[in-house]
Structure formats: structure tokens, C-alpha cells
Amino acid sequence: MKRYLFLSDLHIGNGSAKDDFEHDEHFEKLMLDFSDFSNVDLFIVGDGFELVESSSKLDFDLLNYEESIQSVSSDIIEEIEVKHPKVFSSLRKFAKNGNRIFYIIGNHDYYIYKNKGLLEKLLEKIPNLTIKPYHYDETLKMLVIHGNQFDPVNKFAVDKATGKILPPLGEYIVRYMIKNFDEKVYGKVPSEILRDYDNVRPTLDLFDWFEIVSKKYDLGIDLLRFWMEEFLGMMKSLEAKKWMKTNYPFWSNFSKVFLNNFGGIKLGEIIVRVIMNLRKFKRTDYLIKKAKKVLKGQINYEKHFIGYDYRNDIEEVNGVIMGHIHKNTFNIFNVSNKPKYYINCGSWKPVVEKMHGKKFQRRSELFYALLTVNGDVEIVTSTVNVLKKREVIF
């Protein structure tokens, strides 16, 4: 009997302000439960460790991204282990029984893939570990990939002038807003506001969320306006302009008119909504469409796998497993009279979602999928919902 265990988007950080992984005991228990079995392959389907939002990496020169990647010290792996020792010890116990661990690279941990020091440090810490840009199982016809490759704002591109990799706009948004929004309002607003705002899903609900928290806490500042001004300032930066010109040359020229003539919060909201809609952040899983194309054999992998060293080894796909969108799901599709499946492993990171009306709650869904092969293929999914009373927030 062969078992495959999948989970994604843990975003385990080094204790900085954006490190909100708080499920060390749940993770340890899951690993120990499966440590009793042999012949188990664990897949961490991208963004297992959080590097992009590490406070020590905010001053990177993203205009020279490939050079900046090499400047990341492997000390950050040590820092993450010090903050989350149970994660590392439980992974080591899991691997002791001969079980294998496959770490699939996402967009928040891309440095591990391209920085030899980081990669070797992680391999040193965790036995039986393989770090890969994606995984294709020829026997099961199964593709495991993070999914940011199909997200317009979080996929990599190539600078036509230099031939070098351009980072995703999503990474620059995160870094810019931490420096120019979080740090400027730090101490002026409750810490939970800075903790929660970038966990709001879908992102377009941020407009309602900022309005509600401003009233609830009587902040005395228009938080939405301030956030929007910083966001628009980000879109005027050299890094964002270069990204727009490379990826969307037509919209790059179009956006200049609006950004240079920003005239009020309503117009600003329209601009932000247009930009955010590039990600198609809706309440549904927008990766389903891409998964269906993968299952139908309609994907040009070389186009989507920029930066991930595609090896031209993906043939027919009967099952695809992703993460990235922080929304777990399990779907079965009929493709040419053959059942095929799509699993999204969601995230162990907290999600702030609108409930009824304009109320929000903060909760975590600790999801995993287990695929067992014993002649037939059996797929079981499980979710532990973690919701604390204090986290029904508004």
C-alpha cells in the first residue's frame, strides 16, 4: 500500500510581525500520526516556509531580482526553526521511517529554489527531502504544482531587454505595503489590524473591512484612504511600471492616465478594483478553470512555468493538486468519459472572511488530502476548523 499526503500554504515564518502560523501542535500531531506508517510520501504544495514577508528581506532590489536572491542568508532557516521547533522535529520523525518529503516551490518561498545556501540548509535540516518546482508522477499521471504559475499577479516573467527573471507583482505589493503602510501606522492602530488586513479573502472585501474596523476602533484616521494612497503610490513605482510594461503593455499606457490624474477616493477605488481583478479574486476557486485545462491537456507549460525550469516531462494528467489560493476544494470531472480530479489544499494561514452583512470572522481551516493506492486509488480529504471566540471580530 502506498500513501500520498498533501498540504499547502503553511506560511511558517521566522517570528516577524507577519508570521501568524500558530498551529505547531496540530502540525506535529498530523506528522506523528502518519509517522507510524511506512511508504508515505508527504507533499508540501508550495509556500511551506514564508520568506517574502520576512521583515529582514524588505529592502531587496527587485529591479535586480536574480542578484538579490543570492544575497539571502541561510540564517533565515535557522530563525524559522527557532520559532517553530516542533515543525522541524516532527518532519524529522516522519522521515525516520523511510517516508519521503517533497517540498514543492511556490511564490513565497521561491528563494529556496534559486539560492544554493538556503536549499542546502533545508536539506541539512530535514532528511529524505526533495525540493522541486513541481512533481509529475508518471504512474498515477498526477501533477503537483503550487498554482501561482496560473495567477497573473503572482507568476514570473522575463525582462525582454535583459533576459532576466522579473518577480511577480504580488511580491512587490507585499514588500511595498509592509514598508509604506504597516510601518507607518504601527503603534497608531491595534496590532490585529496589521495582522489581519492581508488575510482578507476575497481581496476586494478589503474596502468593507477597512470601513468597519475604522468605525469599530474609532481610529481617527481614514485607514482605507491611507491604504489606497500607498497602494497607488506602489503602482507608480519603477518596479510596478516595469512589471506592467512587460506583462500588460497596453494597460501600462492606459494606467498612466489614471494614476497621474488620481482625483479622489472613488476613482482610486476603481483603479484598485481593476488591478485586483487581474487576480480574479472571487469567492469561487478561479484555479478550477486552469485545472480543467491541465486535465484536458490544453496547457502550454513552457508559457506558464517561467522561472520554474520546465523539463518537458508532463504527459497525460489524471489528477492535479495545487495550493496558492488559500481555499481548499476537491472536484471530480468527466474528461472524455474518464473521471479526473482536482484538489486544492487551501492553507493553514488564517483567513478573514465576510459572514452575514458586513460582519467578518477570522478562522483557520487545517486541510489535508490523503491519496491511497492499493490496487484502486482512494482519495480522502479532512479539515480541522479552528475558530476562537475572540476571532468573530466584527
Protein backbone atom coordinates (compact mmCIF):
# COMPACT_ATOMS: atom_id res chain seq x y z
CA MET A 1 0.00 0.00 0.00
CA LYS A 2 1.26 3.44 -0.97
CA ARG A 3 0.06 6.69 0.63
CA TYR A 4 0.42 10.29 -0.56
CA LEU A 5 -0.27 13.10 1.91
CA PHE A 6 -0.83 16.66 0.65
CA LEU A 7 -0.98 20.01 2.44
CA SER A 8 -0.12 23.52 1.34
CA ASP A 9 0.48 27.17 2.20
CA LEU A 10 1.60 26.83 5.79
CA HIS A 11 3.49 30.14 5.52
CA ILE A 12 5.68 29.28 8.51
CA GLY A 13 7.77 32.36 9.25
CA ASN A 14 10.64 33.49 11.45
CA GLY A 15 8.56 35.26 14.08
CA SER A 16 8.32 38.62 12.34
CA ALA A 17 5.08 40.59 12.53
CA LYS A 18 3.62 38.79 9.52
CA ASP A 19 4.31 35.30 10.88
CA ASP A 20 0.86 34.17 12.00
CA PHE A 21 1.41 30.42 11.84
CA GLU A 22 0.08 29.20 15.17
CA HIS A 23 -0.73 25.55 14.53
CA ASP A 24 2.55 23.93 15.52
CA GLU A 25 0.83 21.35 17.74
CA HIS A 26 -1.72 20.42 15.05
CA PHE A 27 1.09 20.03 12.51
CA GLU A 28 3.16 17.93 14.91
CA LYS A 29 0.20 15.63 15.63
CA LEU A 30 -0.52 15.13 11.92
CA MET A 31 3.10 14.24 11.21
CA LEU A 32 3.29 11.87 14.17
CA ASP A 33 0.04 10.17 13.14
CA PHE A 34 1.50 9.35 9.73
CA SER A 35 4.95 8.54 11.11
CA ASP A 36 3.54 5.20 12.26
CA PHE A 37 3.06 4.20 8.62
CA SER A 38 5.75 3.33 6.12
CA ASN A 39 5.81 4.14 2.43
CA VAL A 40 4.20 7.57 2.79
CA ASP A 41 5.11 10.50 0.55
CA LEU A 42 4.38 13.91 2.07
CA PHE A 43 3.89 16.79 -0.35
CA ILE A 44 4.07 20.37 0.90
CA VAL A 45 2.48 22.02 -2.12
CA GLY A 46 4.25 25.39 -2.04
CA ASP A 47 4.66 28.30 0.39
CA GLY A 48 5.56 25.99 3.25
CA PHE A 49 8.04 28.49 4.66
CA GLU A 50 7.44 32.23 4.48
CA LEU A 51 10.38 34.22 3.08
CA VAL A 52 8.76 37.07 1.15
CA GLU A 53 7.15 38.61 4.25
CA SER A 54 10.23 38.27 6.42
CA SER A 55 10.99 41.71 7.82
CA SER A 56 14.71 41.28 7.16
CA LYS A 57 14.12 40.96 3.41
CA LEU A 58 12.11 44.12 2.75
CA ASP A 59 14.93 46.16 1.25
CA PHE A 60 15.64 43.86 -1.66
CA ASP A 61 16.37 45.45 -5.01
CA LEU A 62 13.62 43.80 -7.02
CA LEU A 63 14.81 45.52 -10.20
CA ASN A 64 17.82 43.20 -9.89
CA TYR A 65 15.89 40.22 -8.63
CA GLU A 66 18.22 37.37 -9.59
CA GLU A 67 21.15 39.06 -7.83
CA SER A 68 19.00 39.79 -4.76
CA ILE A 69 18.02 36.13 -4.46
CA GLN A 70 21.66 35.18 -3.97
CA SER A 71 22.05 37.66 -1.11
CA VAL A 72 19.58 35.84 1.14
CA SER A 73 21.38 34.30 4.09
CA SER A 74 20.60 30.73 5.12
CA ASP A 75 20.30 32.11 8.67
CA ILE A 76 16.60 32.64 7.98
CA ILE A 77 16.09 28.85 8.02
CA GLU A 78 17.69 28.78 11.47
CA GLU A 79 15.40 31.62 12.59
CA ILE A 80 12.31 29.76 11.39
CA GLU A 81 13.36 26.60 13.23
CA VAL A 82 13.99 28.53 16.46
CA LYS A 83 10.47 29.99 16.24
CA HIS A 84 8.79 26.71 15.19
CA PRO A 85 10.93 23.82 16.55
CA LYS A 86 8.02 21.33 16.59
CA VAL A 87 7.57 21.69 12.83
CA PHE A 88 11.15 20.66 12.11
CA SER A 89 11.35 17.92 14.77
CA SER A 90 8.09 16.33 13.57
CA LEU A 91 9.25 16.37 9.94
CA ARG A 92 12.45 14.61 11.00
CA LYS A 93 10.45 11.96 12.89
CA PHE A 94 8.17 11.49 9.90
CA ALA A 95 11.16 10.87 7.62
CA LYS A 96 12.91 8.46 10.02
CA ASN A 97 10.64 5.60 8.98
CA GLY A 98 11.83 5.92 5.39
CA ASN A 99 8.98 8.20 4.40
CA ARG A 100 9.78 10.82 1.79
CA ILE A 101 9.05 14.56 1.82
CA PHE A 102 8.57 16.54 -1.39
CA TYR A 103 8.72 20.31 -0.99
CA ILE A 104 7.11 21.99 -3.99
CA ILE A 105 8.22 25.58 -4.54
CA GLY A 106 5.61 28.36 -4.51
CA ASN A 107 5.96 32.11 -4.84
CA HIS A 108 6.59 32.97 -1.16
CA ASP A 109 9.47 30.50 -0.87
CA TYR A 110 10.97 30.84 -4.35
CA TYR A 111 14.35 31.89 -2.87
CA ILE A 112 14.84 28.34 -1.58
CA TYR A 113 14.78 27.04 -5.14
CA LYS A 114 17.30 29.51 -6.57
CA ASN A 115 19.60 30.09 -3.59
CA LYS A 116 22.05 27.23 -3.03
CA GLY A 117 22.72 28.17 0.60
CA LEU A 118 19.03 28.12 1.54
CA LEU A 119 18.43 24.88 -0.34
CA GLU A 120 21.37 23.09 1.27
CA LYS A 121 20.43 24.34 4.74
CA LEU A 122 16.91 22.95 4.41
CA LEU A 123 18.22 19.63 3.07
CA GLU A 124 20.56 19.51 6.04
CA LYS A 125 17.72 20.10 8.49
CA ILE A 126 15.18 17.63 7.08
CA PRO A 127 16.12 14.10 5.90
CA ASN A 128 14.59 12.41 2.84
CA LEU A 129 13.66 15.83 1.50
CA THR A 130 13.39 16.65 -2.20
CA ILE A 131 12.85 20.27 -3.29
CA LYS A 132 11.17 20.63 -6.68
CA PRO A 133 9.44 23.27 -8.82
CA TYR A 134 6.64 20.75 -9.49
CA HIS A 135 6.15 16.99 -9.40
CA TYR A 136 4.76 14.71 -12.09
CA ASP A 137 4.06 11.08 -11.23
CA GLU A 138 4.21 9.02 -14.41
CA THR A 139 2.42 6.03 -12.88
CA LEU A 140 -0.53 7.91 -11.38
CA LYS A 141 -0.50 10.59 -14.11
CA MET A 142 -0.58 13.13 -11.27
CA LEU A 143 0.71 16.73 -11.35
CA VAL A 144 1.53 18.55 -8.11
CA ILE A 145 2.15 22.28 -8.53
CA HIS A 146 1.65 25.33 -6.33
CA GLY A 147 -0.62 27.22 -8.75
CA ASN A 148 0.81 30.75 -8.74
CA GLN A 149 2.02 29.94 -12.26
CA PHE A 150 -1.58 30.48 -13.40
CA ASP A 151 -2.13 33.70 -11.40
CA PRO A 152 -1.40 36.84 -13.48
CA VAL A 153 -0.21 38.83 -10.46
CA ASN A 154 1.90 36.06 -8.92
CA LYS A 155 3.61 34.44 -11.89
CA PHE A 156 7.15 35.23 -13.01
CA ALA A 157 8.05 36.93 -16.26
CA VAL A 158 11.17 37.60 -18.33
CA ASP A 159 12.55 41.08 -18.90
CA LYS A 160 12.84 41.22 -22.70
CA ALA A 161 15.67 43.73 -22.51
CA THR A 162 17.92 41.70 -20.21
CA GLY A 163 16.54 38.16 -20.42
CA LYS A 164 16.44 38.01 -16.61
CA ILE A 165 13.58 36.90 -14.40
CA LEU A 166 11.15 39.55 -13.15
CA PRO A 167 9.50 38.84 -9.79
CA PRO A 168 5.71 38.73 -9.53
CA LEU A 169 3.91 41.98 -8.84
CA GLY A 170 2.34 40.22 -5.85
CA GLU A 171 5.72 40.01 -4.12
CA TYR A 172 6.40 43.68 -4.67
CA ILE A 173 2.92 44.61 -3.38
CA VAL A 174 3.60 42.71 -0.15
CA ARG A 175 7.00 44.28 0.43
CA TYR A 176 5.94 47.80 -0.51
CA MET A 177 2.81 47.78 1.67
CA ILE A 178 4.67 46.44 4.71
CA LYS A 179 7.17 49.28 4.44
CA ASN A 180 4.82 52.06 3.41
CA PHE A 181 1.58 51.12 5.15
CA ASP A 182 2.24 48.74 8.05
CA GLU A 183 5.31 50.53 9.37
CA LYS A 184 3.72 53.99 9.08
CA VAL A 185 0.59 53.08 11.03
CA TYR A 186 2.36 50.77 13.50
CA GLY A 187 1.56 51.91 17.03
CA LYS A 188 -1.36 54.01 15.79
CA VAL A 189 -3.73 51.10 15.25
CA PRO A 190 -4.31 47.83 17.13
CA SER A 191 -1.85 45.11 16.11
CA GLU A 192 -4.67 42.82 14.95
CA ILE A 193 -5.48 45.23 12.13
CA LEU A 194 -1.98 44.88 10.69
CA ARG A 195 -2.14 41.15 11.31
CA ASP A 196 -5.45 40.65 9.53
CA TYR A 197 -5.78 43.01 6.60
CA ASP A 198 -3.73 40.98 4.12
CA ASN A 199 -5.62 37.82 5.12
CA VAL A 200 -8.95 39.21 3.93
CA ARG A 201 -10.44 36.95 1.24
CA PRO A 202 -11.52 37.79 -1.36
CA THR A 203 -9.19 40.79 -1.52
CA LEU A 204 -11.90 43.09 -2.84
CA ASP A 205 -13.65 42.81 0.54
CA LEU A 206 -10.85 44.98 1.91
CA PHE A 207 -12.96 48.06 1.15
CA ASP A 208 -15.71 46.90 3.53
CA TRP A 209 -13.21 45.58 6.07
CA PHE A 210 -11.31 48.86 6.38
CA GLU A 211 -14.57 50.76 6.72
CA ILE A 212 -15.75 48.50 9.52
CA VAL A 213 -12.50 48.44 11.54
CA SER A 214 -12.22 52.24 11.30
CA LYS A 215 -15.66 52.60 12.88
CA LYS A 216 -15.16 49.82 15.44
CA TYR A 217 -11.91 51.21 16.81
CA ASP A 218 -12.66 54.92 16.26
CA LEU A 219 -9.15 55.34 14.88
CA GLY A 220 -9.38 58.99 13.98
CA ILE A 221 -7.72 58.28 10.62
CA ASP A 222 -9.21 57.21 7.31
CA LEU A 223 -7.45 53.88 7.09
CA LEU A 224 -8.94 52.98 3.72
CA ARG A 225 -7.83 56.24 2.13
CA PHE A 226 -4.33 55.89 3.55
CA TRP A 227 -4.04 52.28 2.35
CA MET A 228 -5.31 53.22 -1.08
CA GLU A 229 -2.91 56.15 -1.43
CA GLU A 230 0.01 53.86 -0.60
CA PHE A 231 -1.25 51.21 -3.00
CA LEU A 232 -1.49 53.74 -5.80
CA GLY A 233 1.96 55.02 -4.87
CA MET A 234 3.19 51.47 -5.30
CA MET A 235 1.69 51.33 -8.79
CA LYS A 236 3.65 54.48 -9.72
CA SER A 237 6.97 52.95 -8.64
CA LEU A 238 9.65 51.89 -11.12
CA GLU A 239 9.23 48.23 -10.19
CA ALA A 240 5.48 48.22 -10.79
CA LYS A 241 5.79 50.19 -14.03
CA LYS A 242 8.37 47.73 -15.32
CA TRP A 243 6.12 44.80 -14.42
CA MET A 244 3.11 46.39 -16.14
CA LYS A 245 5.10 47.27 -19.25
CA THR A 246 6.44 43.71 -19.53
CA ASN A 247 3.21 41.85 -18.80
CA TYR A 248 0.48 44.25 -19.96
CA PRO A 249 1.96 46.84 -22.35
CA PHE A 250 -1.45 48.16 -23.43
CA TRP A 251 -2.77 48.55 -19.88
CA SER A 252 0.56 50.05 -18.87
CA ASN A 253 -0.08 53.05 -21.11
CA PHE A 254 -3.74 53.17 -20.15
CA SER A 255 -3.00 53.12 -16.41
CA LYS A 256 -0.62 56.10 -16.67
CA VAL A 257 -3.56 58.38 -17.42
CA PHE A 258 -5.49 57.30 -14.35
CA LEU A 259 -2.58 57.07 -11.94
CA ASN A 260 -1.29 60.52 -12.92
CA ASN A 261 -4.74 62.04 -12.58
CA PHE A 262 -5.79 60.40 -9.33
CA GLY A 263 -8.62 62.61 -8.09
CA GLY A 264 -10.38 61.17 -5.07
CA ILE A 265 -11.18 58.02 -3.18
CA LYS A 266 -13.89 56.81 -5.58
CA LEU A 267 -11.61 57.00 -8.62
CA GLY A 268 -8.87 55.41 -6.55
CA GLU A 269 -11.19 52.56 -5.62
CA ILE A 270 -11.97 51.96 -9.29
CA ILE A 271 -8.26 51.75 -10.10
CA VAL A 272 -7.56 49.39 -7.22
CA ARG A 273 -10.51 47.20 -8.19
CA VAL A 274 -9.26 46.97 -11.78
CA ILE A 275 -5.78 45.98 -10.59
CA MET A 276 -7.08 43.48 -8.07
CA ASN A 277 -9.40 41.95 -10.66
CA LEU A 278 -6.35 40.83 -12.61
CA ARG A 279 -6.19 38.11 -9.96
CA LYS A 280 -9.87 37.26 -10.39
CA PHE A 281 -10.23 37.13 -6.61
CA LYS A 282 -13.78 35.89 -6.37
CA ARG A 283 -15.46 33.67 -3.85
CA THR A 284 -15.00 30.71 -6.18
CA ASP A 285 -11.77 28.88 -6.90
CA TYR A 286 -10.51 30.58 -10.06
CA LEU A 287 -7.85 27.90 -10.48
CA ILE A 288 -10.55 25.37 -11.36
CA LYS A 289 -10.56 26.65 -14.95
CA LYS A 290 -6.80 26.13 -15.21
CA ALA A 291 -7.07 22.71 -13.59
CA LYS A 292 -9.64 21.65 -16.17
CA LYS A 293 -7.31 22.75 -18.96
CA VAL A 294 -4.47 20.77 -17.39
CA LEU A 295 -6.70 17.68 -17.20
CA LYS A 296 -7.77 18.16 -20.81
CA GLY A 297 -4.17 18.58 -21.99
CA GLN A 298 -4.74 22.18 -23.10
CA ILE A 299 -1.94 23.92 -21.19
CA ASN A 300 1.27 25.38 -22.63
CA TYR A 301 3.54 24.60 -19.68
CA GLU A 302 6.55 26.49 -21.03
CA LYS A 303 4.48 29.69 -21.11
CA HIS A 304 3.25 29.30 -17.53
CA PHE A 305 6.35 27.76 -15.92
CA ILE A 306 8.69 30.73 -16.42
CA GLY A 307 11.26 30.64 -13.62
CA TYR A 308 10.44 27.04 -12.68
CA ASP A 309 12.70 25.15 -15.12
CA TYR A 310 10.14 23.10 -17.01
CA ARG A 311 11.64 19.75 -18.06
CA ASN A 312 9.08 18.82 -20.73
CA ASP A 313 8.16 15.73 -18.72
CA ILE A 314 4.41 16.21 -18.22
CA GLU A 315 2.26 13.93 -20.35
CA GLU A 316 -1.36 12.94 -19.69
CA VAL A 317 -2.69 14.24 -16.35
CA ASN A 318 -5.44 12.39 -14.49
CA GLY A 319 -5.15 14.40 -11.29
CA VAL A 320 -3.83 17.85 -10.40
CA ILE A 321 -3.06 19.10 -6.90
CA MET A 322 -2.47 22.80 -6.13
CA GLY A 323 -2.48 25.36 -3.33
CA HIS A 324 -1.92 29.12 -3.55
CA ILE A 325 -5.48 30.48 -3.29
CA HIS A 326 -5.99 29.56 0.39
CA LYS A 327 -9.33 27.89 -0.40
CA ASN A 328 -9.49 24.11 -0.21
CA THR A 329 -11.61 22.06 -2.60
CA PHE A 330 -11.94 18.60 -4.13
CA ASN A 331 -13.57 18.18 -7.54
CA ILE A 332 -14.04 15.27 -9.92
CA PHE A 333 -14.52 15.99 -13.61
CA ASN A 334 -15.57 13.80 -16.50
CA VAL A 335 -12.95 14.31 -19.20
CA SER A 336 -13.54 12.28 -22.38
CA ASN A 337 -15.66 9.81 -20.38
CA LYS A 338 -12.87 9.37 -17.83
CA PRO A 339 -13.05 10.60 -14.19
CA LYS A 340 -10.25 13.01 -13.31
CA TYR A 341 -9.72 15.01 -10.12
CA TYR A 342 -8.57 18.42 -8.89
CA ILE A 343 -7.57 19.06 -5.29
CA ASN A 344 -6.69 22.44 -3.84
CA CYS A 345 -5.06 22.08 -0.44
CA GLY A 346 -6.10 25.52 0.83
CA SER A 347 -3.96 27.00 3.59
CA TRP A 348 -3.14 26.72 7.28
CA LYS A 349 -2.82 30.50 7.34
CA PRO A 350 -5.75 32.40 8.92
CA VAL A 351 -8.40 33.76 6.58
CA VAL A 352 -10.58 36.77 7.33
CA GLU A 353 -13.93 36.36 5.58
CA LYS A 354 -17.19 38.25 5.45
CA MET A 355 -20.04 36.48 7.18
CA HIS A 356 -23.57 37.89 7.02
CA GLY A 357 -24.00 41.54 6.06
CA LYS A 358 -20.77 43.30 6.94
CA LYS A 359 -19.54 41.07 9.73
CA PHE A 360 -16.14 39.41 9.43
CA GLN A 361 -14.56 36.44 11.15
CA ARG A 362 -11.00 35.18 11.40
CA ARG A 363 -10.60 31.42 11.17
CA SER A 364 -8.24 28.70 10.03
CA GLU A 365 -9.00 25.57 8.03
CA LEU A 366 -6.31 22.95 8.54
CA PHE A 367 -6.81 20.84 5.43
CA TYR A 368 -5.03 17.80 4.14
CA ALA A 369 -5.71 15.28 1.37
CA LEU A 370 -4.69 11.64 1.53
CA LEU A 371 -4.40 9.55 -1.63
CA THR A 372 -4.04 5.80 -1.07
CA VAL A 373 -3.07 3.34 -3.78
CA ASN A 374 -3.87 -0.30 -3.08
CA GLY A 375 -4.94 -1.55 -6.45
CA ASP A 376 -7.58 1.18 -6.66
CA VAL A 377 -6.95 4.85 -5.93
CA GLU A 378 -8.80 6.24 -2.91
CA ILE A 379 -8.84 9.95 -2.03
CA VAL A 380 -9.81 11.20 1.43
CA THR A 381 -9.84 14.87 2.47
CA SER A 382 -10.01 16.19 6.02
CA THR A 383 -10.37 19.66 7.52
CA VAL A 384 -9.91 20.85 11.08
CA ASN A 385 -11.70 24.19 11.53
CA VAL A 386 -10.08 26.41 14.11
CA LEU A 387 -12.21 29.35 15.23
CA LYS A 388 -11.66 31.07 18.55
CA LYS A 389 -14.35 33.15 20.21
CA ARG A 390 -12.24 36.28 20.07
CA GLU A 391 -11.91 35.89 16.32
CA VAL A 392 -15.54 36.62 15.48
CA ILE A 393 -14.24 40.11 15.17
CA PHE A 394 -16.98 42.45 13.97
